[in-house]
Amino acid sequence: MTPLRIALFQGPAGVPATTDASLAALDAAARRAAAAGARLLLTNELYLTGYALGAAVRERAEPADGPGARAVARIAAEHGLAIGHGYPERDGEHVFNSLQLTGPDGRHLARYRKTHLFGAYETAHFTPGDAPVVQAGLDGVRLGLLICYDVEFPEPVRAHALAGTELLLAPTALMRPYEIVPQTLVPARAWENQLYLAYVNRCGTEGEFAFAGLSCLAAPDGTVRARAGAGEDLLVADVDPALVAASRAENTYLRDRRPELYTSLV
């Protein structure tokens, strides 16, 4: 099977002045990613608006089919690559921290709402989602969707592995001093579940939050195939489904599980 080339867009730093500014930066990143042969571009958490909006997050939130999503669809179709973008989603009285995946033809593929909210800011302004496993297909690769803090729990990632996810997308807004997450935990999650994990962080400072950067693509053999620094970056790397299959054949974690012993977990 042909590898899937993915681009990880870490940036731009800081709170965007408008959603239009985010879309302009996304368009430029998509152009560069497509020129490098990428079929998928992933942004960071709450990319369209910035993370540190406070109470204004409700005003900036949009429906899943709102103007921001329609603009992303046009960018995806123009450059011929899928785009996963983070945004605050308004649904009735609720606001969710969401990730939407749009196909290279501009069509909606999947939407995920963050299930594990982190800290006082997120719990004050967002409603947690309740869909444990959301997947989509792209060029024969099974994609899974999570957001940031979700991957710090072993259960959601393991649920994706058991459901056959090969590439797990995880836009994030990880603050300092928690660099241990991209440096240690993310490669470990990829290794213990034999999947690729694309972890795309914010960078720079927004209000009281200083983001760590360090976006990465971790492979099922536990190696890191691409790594950003602390500033704006666009990483391009390949996801090889053959490596996923080989890793799952060699590393028997999933086959050797004994679920009957773990009932106390639920």
C-alpha atoms as a PDB file:
ATOM      1  CA  MET A   1       0.000   0.000   0.000  1.00  0.00           C
ATOM      2  CA  THR A   2       1.255   3.483  -0.877  1.00  0.00           C
ATOM      3  CA  PRO A   3       2.329   5.625   2.098  1.00  0.00           C
ATOM      4  CA  LEU A   4       0.156   8.606   3.006  1.00  0.00           C
ATOM      5  CA  ARG A   5       2.072  11.868   3.223  1.00  0.00           C
ATOM      6  CA  ILE A   6       0.886  14.131   6.043  1.00  0.00           C
ATOM      7  CA  ALA A   7       1.728  17.744   6.886  1.00  0.00           C
ATOM      8  CA  LEU A   8       1.626  19.021  10.486  1.00  0.00           C
ATOM      9  CA  PHE A   9       1.093  22.793  10.747  1.00  0.00           C
ATOM     10  CA  GLN A  10       2.415  24.194  14.031  1.00  0.00           C
ATOM     11  CA  GLY A  11       1.420  27.828  13.896  1.00  0.00           C
ATOM     12  CA  PRO A  12       1.058  30.644  13.524  1.00  0.00           C
ATOM     13  CA  ALA A  13       2.007  31.720  17.043  1.00  0.00           C
ATOM     14  CA  GLY A  14      -0.314  33.807  19.200  1.00  0.00           C
ATOM     15  CA  VAL A  15      -4.023  34.552  19.072  1.00  0.00           C
ATOM     16  CA  PRO A  16      -5.151  35.309  15.502  1.00  0.00           C
ATOM     17  CA  ALA A  17      -6.760  38.712  15.078  1.00  0.00           C
ATOM     18  CA  THR A  18      -9.624  37.162  13.113  1.00  0.00           C
ATOM     19  CA  THR A  19     -10.752  33.840  11.735  1.00  0.00           C
ATOM     20  CA  ASP A  20      -9.907  35.237   8.292  1.00  0.00           C
ATOM     21  CA  ALA A  21      -6.277  35.608   9.406  1.00  0.00           C
ATOM     22  CA  SER A  22      -6.225  31.944  10.438  1.00  0.00           C
ATOM     23  CA  LEU A  23      -7.736  30.935   7.110  1.00  0.00           C
ATOM     24  CA  ALA A  24      -5.153  32.934   5.166  1.00  0.00           C
ATOM     25  CA  ALA A  25      -2.327  31.204   7.055  1.00  0.00           C
ATOM     26  CA  LEU A  26      -4.032  27.857   6.476  1.00  0.00           C
ATOM     27  CA  ASP A  27      -4.286  28.508   2.757  1.00  0.00           C
ATOM     28  CA  ALA A  28      -0.566  29.299   2.581  1.00  0.00           C
ATOM     29  CA  ALA A  29       0.300  26.173   4.590  1.00  0.00           C
ATOM     30  CA  ALA A  30      -1.961  24.031   2.397  1.00  0.00           C
ATOM     31  CA  ARG A  31      -0.229  25.345  -0.718  1.00  0.00           C
ATOM     32  CA  ARG A  32       3.196  24.426   0.696  1.00  0.00           C
ATOM     33  CA  ALA A  33       1.955  21.034   1.913  1.00  0.00           C
ATOM     34  CA  ALA A  34       0.408  20.156  -1.451  1.00  0.00           C
ATOM     35  CA  ALA A  35       3.601  21.180  -3.241  1.00  0.00           C
ATOM     36  CA  ALA A  36       5.472  18.737  -0.985  1.00  0.00           C
ATOM     37  CA  GLY A  37       3.092  15.939  -1.971  1.00  0.00           C
ATOM     38  CA  ALA A  38       1.007  15.868   1.218  1.00  0.00           C
ATOM     39  CA  ARG A  39      -2.501  14.410   1.052  1.00  0.00           C
ATOM     40  CA  LEU A  40      -3.482  15.525   4.558  1.00  0.00           C
ATOM     41  CA  LEU A  41      -2.819  18.708   6.542  1.00  0.00           C
ATOM     42  CA  LEU A  42      -3.489  18.833  10.286  1.00  0.00           C
ATOM     43  CA  THR A  43      -3.676  22.024  12.353  1.00  0.00           C
ATOM     44  CA  ASN A  44      -3.497  22.528  16.108  1.00  0.00           C
ATOM     45  CA  GLU A  45      -6.315  22.654  18.662  1.00  0.00           C
ATOM     46  CA  LEU A  46      -8.839  25.511  18.241  1.00  0.00           C
ATOM     47  CA  TYR A  47      -6.837  26.649  15.229  1.00  0.00           C
ATOM     48  CA  LEU A  48      -9.445  28.914  13.657  1.00  0.00           C
ATOM     49  CA  THR A  49      -9.870  31.226  16.657  1.00  0.00           C
ATOM     50  CA  GLY A  50      -6.902  30.689  18.931  1.00  0.00           C
ATOM     51  CA  TYR A  51      -7.089  28.978  22.307  1.00  0.00           C
ATOM     52  CA  ALA A  52      -7.086  31.734  24.947  1.00  0.00           C
ATOM     53  CA  LEU A  53     -10.336  33.529  24.143  1.00  0.00           C
ATOM     54  CA  GLY A  54     -11.941  33.443  27.569  1.00  0.00           C
ATOM     55  CA  ALA A  55     -15.666  34.192  27.509  1.00  0.00           C
ATOM     56  CA  ALA A  56     -15.340  35.371  23.886  1.00  0.00           C
ATOM     57  CA  VAL A  57     -15.097  31.748  22.792  1.00  0.00           C
ATOM     58  CA  ARG A  58     -18.912  31.586  22.709  1.00  0.00           C
ATOM     59  CA  GLU A  59     -19.072  34.592  20.390  1.00  0.00           C
ATOM     60  CA  ARG A  60     -16.404  33.174  18.059  1.00  0.00           C
ATOM     61  CA  ALA A  61     -17.827  29.643  17.980  1.00  0.00           C
ATOM     62  CA  GLU A  62     -19.499  28.485  14.755  1.00  0.00           C
ATOM     63  CA  PRO A  63     -21.767  25.600  13.756  1.00  0.00           C
ATOM     64  CA  ALA A  64     -20.073  22.584  12.208  1.00  0.00           C
ATOM     65  CA  ASP A  65     -21.230  23.776   8.775  1.00  0.00           C
ATOM     66  CA  GLY A  66     -20.519  27.460   9.454  1.00  0.00           C
ATOM     67  CA  PRO A  67     -18.503  29.931   7.386  1.00  0.00           C
ATOM     68  CA  GLY A  68     -15.164  28.751   8.785  1.00  0.00           C
ATOM     69  CA  ALA A  69     -15.842  25.148   7.807  1.00  0.00           C
ATOM     70  CA  ARG A  70     -16.993  26.219   4.343  1.00  0.00           C
ATOM     71  CA  ALA A  71     -13.817  28.248   3.856  1.00  0.00           C
ATOM     72  CA  VAL A  72     -11.667  25.275   4.933  1.00  0.00           C
ATOM     73  CA  ALA A  73     -13.564  23.103   2.444  1.00  0.00           C
ATOM     74  CA  ARG A  74     -12.723  25.538  -0.356  1.00  0.00           C
ATOM     75  CA  ILE A  75      -9.037  25.503   0.636  1.00  0.00           C
ATOM     76  CA  ALA A  76      -8.991  21.696   0.746  1.00  0.00           C
ATOM     77  CA  ALA A  77     -10.597  21.389  -2.674  1.00  0.00           C
ATOM     78  CA  GLU A  78      -8.372  24.062  -4.226  1.00  0.00           C
ATOM     79  CA  HIS A  79      -5.175  22.347  -3.106  1.00  0.00           C
ATOM     80  CA  GLY A  80      -6.428  18.768  -3.381  1.00  0.00           C
ATOM     81  CA  LEU A  81      -5.614  17.610   0.123  1.00  0.00           C
ATOM     82  CA  ALA A  82      -7.623  16.699   3.221  1.00  0.00           C
ATOM     83  CA  ILE A  83      -7.553  19.148   6.137  1.00  0.00           C
ATOM     84  CA  GLY A  84      -8.169  18.539   9.817  1.00  0.00           C
ATOM     85  CA  HIS A  85      -8.842  21.807  11.635  1.00  0.00           C
ATOM     86  CA  GLY A  86      -9.613  22.618  15.244  1.00  0.00           C
ATOM     87  CA  TYR A  87     -12.340  25.128  16.120  1.00  0.00           C
ATOM     88  CA  PRO A  88     -14.939  25.983  18.789  1.00  0.00           C
ATOM     89  CA  GLU A  89     -18.225  24.448  17.633  1.00  0.00           C
ATOM     90  CA  ARG A  90     -21.576  25.940  18.625  1.00  0.00           C
ATOM     91  CA  ASP A  91     -24.517  23.552  18.758  1.00  0.00           C
ATOM     92  CA  GLY A  92     -27.582  25.132  20.364  1.00  0.00           C
ATOM     93  CA  GLU A  93     -26.632  26.268  23.856  1.00  0.00           C
ATOM     94  CA  HIS A  94     -23.482  24.146  23.895  1.00  0.00           C
ATOM     95  CA  VAL A  95     -19.944  24.963  22.758  1.00  0.00           C
ATOM     96  CA  PHE A  96     -17.604  22.058  21.993  1.00  0.00           C
ATOM     97  CA  ASN A  97     -13.853  21.918  21.431  1.00  0.00           C
ATOM     98  CA  SER A  98     -13.984  20.202  18.044  1.00  0.00           C
ATOM     99  CA  LEU A  99     -11.905  18.763  15.226  1.00  0.00           C
ATOM    100  CA  GLN A 100     -13.350  18.574  11.739  1.00  0.00           C
ATOM    101  CA  LEU A 101     -11.864  16.517   8.919  1.00  0.00           C
ATOM    102  CA  THR A 102     -12.550  17.649   5.359  1.00  0.00           C
ATOM    103  CA  GLY A 103     -11.668  15.553   2.325  1.00  0.00           C
ATOM    104  CA  PRO A 104      -9.478  16.620  -0.619  1.00  0.00           C
ATOM    105  CA  ASP A 105     -12.651  17.224  -2.628  1.00  0.00           C
ATOM    106  CA  GLY A 106     -13.987  19.617   0.012  1.00  0.00           C
ATOM    107  CA  ARG A 107     -16.528  17.169   1.408  1.00  0.00           C
ATOM    108  CA  HIS A 108     -17.049  16.617   5.129  1.00  0.00           C
ATOM    109  CA  LEU A 109     -15.451  13.359   6.344  1.00  0.00           C
ATOM    110  CA  ALA A 110     -15.728  13.365  10.150  1.00  0.00           C
ATOM    111  CA  ARG A 111     -16.178  15.514  13.260  1.00  0.00           C
ATOM    112  CA  TYR A 112     -14.972  14.847  16.801  1.00  0.00           C
ATOM    113  CA  ARG A 113     -15.732  16.710  20.026  1.00  0.00           C
ATOM    114  CA  LYS A 114     -13.064  16.618  22.751  1.00  0.00           C
ATOM    115  CA  THR A 115     -14.142  14.224  25.488  1.00  0.00           C
ATOM    116  CA  HIS A 116     -11.554  14.965  28.206  1.00  0.00           C
ATOM    117  CA  LEU A 117     -11.482  18.670  29.064  1.00  0.00           C
ATOM    118  CA  PHE A 118      -8.352  20.039  30.718  1.00  0.00           C
ATOM    119  CA  GLY A 119      -8.277  22.564  33.542  1.00  0.00           C
ATOM    120  CA  ALA A 120     -10.567  25.319  34.758  1.00  0.00           C
ATOM    121  CA  TYR A 121     -10.588  27.233  31.467  1.00  0.00           C
ATOM    122  CA  GLU A 122     -11.845  24.378  29.302  1.00  0.00           C
ATOM    123  CA  THR A 123     -14.345  23.037  31.825  1.00  0.00           C
ATOM    124  CA  ALA A 124     -15.796  26.549  32.236  1.00  0.00           C
ATOM    125  CA  HIS A 125     -16.324  27.203  28.526  1.00  0.00           C
ATOM    126  CA  PHE A 126     -16.812  23.857  26.772  1.00  0.00           C
ATOM    127  CA  THR A 127     -19.168  20.895  26.939  1.00  0.00           C
ATOM    128  CA  PRO A 128     -17.389  17.512  26.759  1.00  0.00           C
ATOM    129  CA  GLY A 129     -18.166  15.269  23.811  1.00  0.00           C
ATOM    130  CA  ASP A 130     -19.313  11.689  24.289  1.00  0.00           C
ATOM    131  CA  ALA A 131     -18.243   9.810  21.125  1.00  0.00           C
ATOM    132  CA  PRO A 132     -15.299   7.566  22.110  1.00  0.00           C
ATOM    133  CA  VAL A 133     -14.109   6.538  18.628  1.00  0.00           C
ATOM    134  CA  VAL A 134     -14.552   8.638  15.484  1.00  0.00           C
ATOM    135  CA  GLN A 135     -12.890   7.384  12.306  1.00  0.00           C
ATOM    136  CA  ALA A 136     -12.653   8.180   8.605  1.00  0.00           C
ATOM    137  CA  GLY A 137     -10.828   6.759   5.599  1.00  0.00           C
ATOM    138  CA  LEU A 138      -8.349   8.526   3.330  1.00  0.00           C
ATOM    139  CA  ASP A 139      -6.436   6.854   0.490  1.00  0.00           C
ATOM    140  CA  GLY A 140      -6.955   3.446   2.093  1.00  0.00           C
ATOM    141  CA  VAL A 141      -5.672   4.548   5.532  1.00  0.00           C
ATOM    142  CA  ARG A 142      -8.007   4.411   8.530  1.00  0.00           C
ATOM    143  CA  LEU A 143      -7.812   7.699  10.431  1.00  0.00           C
ATOM    144  CA  GLY A 144      -8.927   8.302  14.001  1.00  0.00           C
ATOM    145  CA  LEU A 145      -9.663  11.611  15.743  1.00  0.00           C
ATOM    146  CA  LEU A 146      -8.803  12.751  19.278  1.00  0.00           C
ATOM    147  CA  ILE A 147      -7.833  16.130  20.769  1.00  0.00           C
ATOM    148  CA  CYS A 148      -4.932  16.998  23.076  1.00  0.00           C
ATOM    149  CA  TYR A 149      -5.655  15.822  26.644  1.00  0.00           C
ATOM    150  CA  ASP A 150      -7.535  12.795  25.262  1.00  0.00           C
ATOM    151  CA  VAL A 151      -4.259  11.088  24.285  1.00  0.00           C
ATOM    152  CA  GLU A 152      -2.885  11.431  27.820  1.00  0.00           C
ATOM    153  CA  PHE A 153      -5.347   8.733  28.875  1.00  0.00           C
ATOM    154  CA  PRO A 154      -4.424   5.230  27.680  1.00  0.00           C
ATOM    155  CA  GLU A 155      -8.026   4.122  27.168  1.00  0.00           C
ATOM    156  CA  PRO A 156      -9.048   6.370  24.219  1.00  0.00           C
ATOM    157  CA  VAL A 157      -5.922   5.521  22.242  1.00  0.00           C
ATOM    158  CA  ARG A 158      -6.300   1.813  22.980  1.00  0.00           C
ATOM    159  CA  ALA A 159      -9.944   1.986  21.872  1.00  0.00           C
ATOM    160  CA  HIS A 160      -8.763   3.382  18.549  1.00  0.00           C
ATOM    161  CA  ALA A 161      -6.156   0.660  18.165  1.00  0.00           C
ATOM    162  CA  LEU A 162      -8.773  -2.032  18.795  1.00  0.00           C
ATOM    163  CA  ALA A 163     -11.068  -0.353  16.233  1.00  0.00           C
ATOM    164  CA  GLY A 164      -8.324  -0.546  13.599  1.00  0.00           C
ATOM    165  CA  THR A 165      -7.121   3.060  13.517  1.00  0.00           C
ATOM    166  CA  GLU A 166      -3.792   3.311  11.687  1.00  0.00           C
ATOM    167  CA  LEU A 167      -3.183   7.070  11.939  1.00  0.00           C
ATOM    168  CA  LEU A 168      -4.500   8.929  14.975  1.00  0.00           C
ATOM    169  CA  LEU A 169      -4.900  12.689  14.547  1.00  0.00           C
ATOM    170  CA  ALA A 170      -4.473  14.745  17.716  1.00  0.00           C
ATOM    171  CA  PRO A 171      -4.444  18.547  17.444  1.00  0.00           C
ATOM    172  CA  THR A 172      -3.360  19.978  20.758  1.00  0.00           C
ATOM    173  CA  ALA A 173      -2.721  23.087  22.856  1.00  0.00           C
ATOM    174  CA  LEU A 174      -0.142  21.766  25.303  1.00  0.00           C
ATOM    175  CA  MET A 175       1.334  24.321  27.677  1.00  0.00           C
ATOM    176  CA  ARG A 176       4.707  24.436  29.336  1.00  0.00           C
ATOM    177  CA  PRO A 177       6.066  22.786  31.475  1.00  0.00           C
ATOM    178  CA  TYR A 178       4.428  19.592  30.194  1.00  0.00           C
ATOM    179  CA  GLU A 179       6.912  18.857  27.411  1.00  0.00           C
ATOM    180  CA  ILE A 180       7.064  15.277  28.681  1.00  0.00           C
ATOM    181  CA  VAL A 181       3.847  14.613  26.740  1.00  0.00           C
ATOM    182  CA  PRO A 182       5.222  15.053  23.190  1.00  0.00           C
ATOM    183  CA  GLN A 183       8.710  13.951  24.141  1.00  0.00           C
ATOM    184  CA  THR A 184       7.866  10.727  25.999  1.00  0.00           C
ATOM    185  CA  LEU A 185       4.173   9.917  26.228  1.00  0.00           C
ATOM    186  CA  VAL A 186       3.181  10.363  22.569  1.00  0.00           C
ATOM    187  CA  PRO A 187       5.869   7.986  21.201  1.00  0.00           C
ATOM    188  CA  ALA A 188       4.926   5.515  23.941  1.00  0.00           C
ATOM    189  CA  ARG A 189       1.251   5.668  22.960  1.00  0.00           C
ATOM    190  CA  ALA A 190       2.174   4.988  19.331  1.00  0.00           C
ATOM    191  CA  TRP A 191       4.369   2.047  20.357  1.00  0.00           C
ATOM    192  CA  GLU A 192       1.974   0.395  22.782  1.00  0.00           C
ATOM    193  CA  ASN A 193      -0.902   0.636  20.295  1.00  0.00           C
ATOM    194  CA  GLN A 194       1.017   0.042  17.053  1.00  0.00           C
ATOM    195  CA  LEU A 195      -0.296   3.087  15.216  1.00  0.00           C
ATOM    196  CA  TYR A 196       0.912   6.434  13.949  1.00  0.00           C
ATOM    197  CA  LEU A 197       0.092   9.422  16.139  1.00  0.00           C
ATOM    198  CA  ALA A 198       0.121  12.923  14.634  1.00  0.00           C
ATOM    199  CA  TYR A 199       0.358  15.396  17.514  1.00  0.00           C
ATOM    200  CA  VAL A 200       0.132  19.048  16.389  1.00  0.00           C
ATOM    201  CA  ASN A 201       0.630  21.656  19.086  1.00  0.00           C
ATOM    202  CA  ARG A 202       0.225  25.404  19.334  1.00  0.00           C
ATOM    203  CA  CYS A 203       3.295  27.583  19.815  1.00  0.00           C
ATOM    204  CA  GLY A 204       4.049  30.961  21.332  1.00  0.00           C
ATOM    205  CA  THR A 205       2.102  32.750  24.075  1.00  0.00           C
ATOM    206  CA  GLU A 206      -1.600  33.487  24.379  1.00  0.00           C
ATOM    207  CA  GLY A 207      -2.599  35.399  27.486  1.00  0.00           C
ATOM    208  CA  GLU A 208      -1.590  33.345  30.515  1.00  0.00           C
ATOM    209  CA  PHE A 209      -0.687  30.289  28.409  1.00  0.00           C
ATOM    210  CA  ALA A 210       2.773  29.554  26.995  1.00  0.00           C
ATOM    211  CA  PHE A 211       2.566  26.690  24.521  1.00  0.00           C
ATOM    212  CA  ALA A 212       5.319  24.110  24.164  1.00  0.00           C
ATOM    213  CA  GLY A 213       5.345  23.443  20.423  1.00  0.00           C
ATOM    214  CA  LEU A 214       7.230  20.165  19.791  1.00  0.00           C
ATOM    215  CA  SER A 215       4.629  18.824  17.354  1.00  0.00           C
ATOM    216  CA  CYS A 216       5.536  15.375  16.116  1.00  0.00           C
ATOM    217  CA  LEU A 217       4.606  12.323  14.104  1.00  0.00           C
ATOM    218  CA  ALA A 218       5.259   9.187  16.175  1.00  0.00           C
ATOM    219  CA  ALA A 219       5.363   5.806  14.438  1.00  0.00           C
ATOM    220  CA  PRO A 220       4.157   2.376  15.596  1.00  0.00           C
ATOM    221  CA  ASP A 221       7.743   1.286  16.192  1.00  0.00           C
ATOM    222  CA  GLY A 222       8.102   4.045  18.799  1.00  0.00           C
ATOM    223  CA  THR A 223      10.292   6.299  16.685  1.00  0.00           C
ATOM    224  CA  VAL A 224       9.545   9.944  15.957  1.00  0.00           C
ATOM    225  CA  ARG A 225       9.520  10.528  12.195  1.00  0.00           C
ATOM    226  CA  ALA A 226       9.248  14.335  12.370  1.00  0.00           C
ATOM    227  CA  ARG A 227       9.624  16.845  15.192  1.00  0.00           C
ATOM    228  CA  ALA A 228       9.096  20.613  15.382  1.00  0.00           C
ATOM    229  CA  GLY A 229      10.828  23.012  17.721  1.00  0.00           C
ATOM    230  CA  ALA A 230       9.235  25.786  19.763  1.00  0.00           C
ATOM    231  CA  GLY A 231       8.257  28.094  16.879  1.00  0.00           C
ATOM    232  CA  GLU A 232       6.071  28.054  13.805  1.00  0.00           C
ATOM    233  CA  ASP A 233       6.779  25.095  11.524  1.00  0.00           C
ATOM    234  CA  LEU A 234       5.320  22.877   8.820  1.00  0.00           C
ATOM    235  CA  LEU A 235       6.406  19.243   9.086  1.00  0.00           C
ATOM    236  CA  VAL A 236       5.947  16.759   6.241  1.00  0.00           C
ATOM    237  CA  ALA A 237       6.355  13.010   6.762  1.00  0.00           C
ATOM    238  CA  ASP A 238       5.007   9.697   5.486  1.00  0.00           C
ATOM    239  CA  VAL A 239       2.607   7.281   7.156  1.00  0.00           C
ATOM    240  CA  ASP A 240       3.284   3.746   5.927  1.00  0.00           C
ATOM    241  CA  PRO A 241       0.401   1.282   6.442  1.00  0.00           C
ATOM    242  CA  ALA A 242       2.860  -1.571   5.812  1.00  0.00           C
ATOM    243  CA  LEU A 243       4.779  -0.544   8.938  1.00  0.00           C
ATOM    244  CA  VAL A 244       1.549  -0.607  10.947  1.00  0.00           C
ATOM    245  CA  ALA A 245       0.858  -4.169   9.773  1.00  0.00           C
ATOM    246  CA  ALA A 246       4.435  -5.280  10.415  1.00  0.00           C
ATOM    247  CA  SER A 247       4.459  -3.697  13.864  1.00  0.00           C
ATOM    248  CA  ARG A 248       1.204  -5.377  14.842  1.00  0.00           C
ATOM    249  CA  ALA A 249       2.576  -8.712  13.664  1.00  0.00           C
ATOM    250  CA  GLU A 250       5.801  -8.319  15.663  1.00  0.00           C
ATOM    251  CA  ASN A 251       4.456  -6.556  18.745  1.00  0.00           C
ATOM    252  CA  THR A 252       1.638  -8.666  20.162  1.00  0.00           C
ATOM    253  CA  TYR A 253       0.281  -6.288  22.805  1.00  0.00           C
ATOM    254  CA  LEU A 254      -3.175  -6.168  21.249  1.00  0.00           C
ATOM    255  CA  ARG A 255      -3.443  -9.938  20.781  1.00  0.00           C
ATOM    256  CA  ASP A 256      -2.086 -10.744  24.250  1.00  0.00           C
ATOM    257  CA  ARG A 257      -4.542  -8.587  26.161  1.00  0.00           C
ATOM    258  CA  ARG A 258      -6.750 -10.326  28.757  1.00  0.00           C
ATOM    259  CA  PRO A 259      -9.823  -8.081  29.023  1.00  0.00           C
ATOM    260  CA  GLU A 260     -11.509 -10.424  31.510  1.00  0.00           C
ATOM    261  CA  LEU A 261      -8.912  -9.302  34.054  1.00  0.00           C
ATOM    262  CA  TYR A 262      -9.532  -5.589  33.558  1.00  0.00           C
ATOM    263  CA  THR A 263     -13.215  -5.322  34.404  1.00  0.00           C
ATOM    264  CA  SER A 264     -12.425  -3.172  37.438  1.00  0.00           C
ATOM    265  CA  LEU A 265     -11.365  -0.404  35.021  1.00  0.00           C
ATOM    266  CA  VAL A 266     -14.977   0.174  34.063  1.00  0.00           C
END
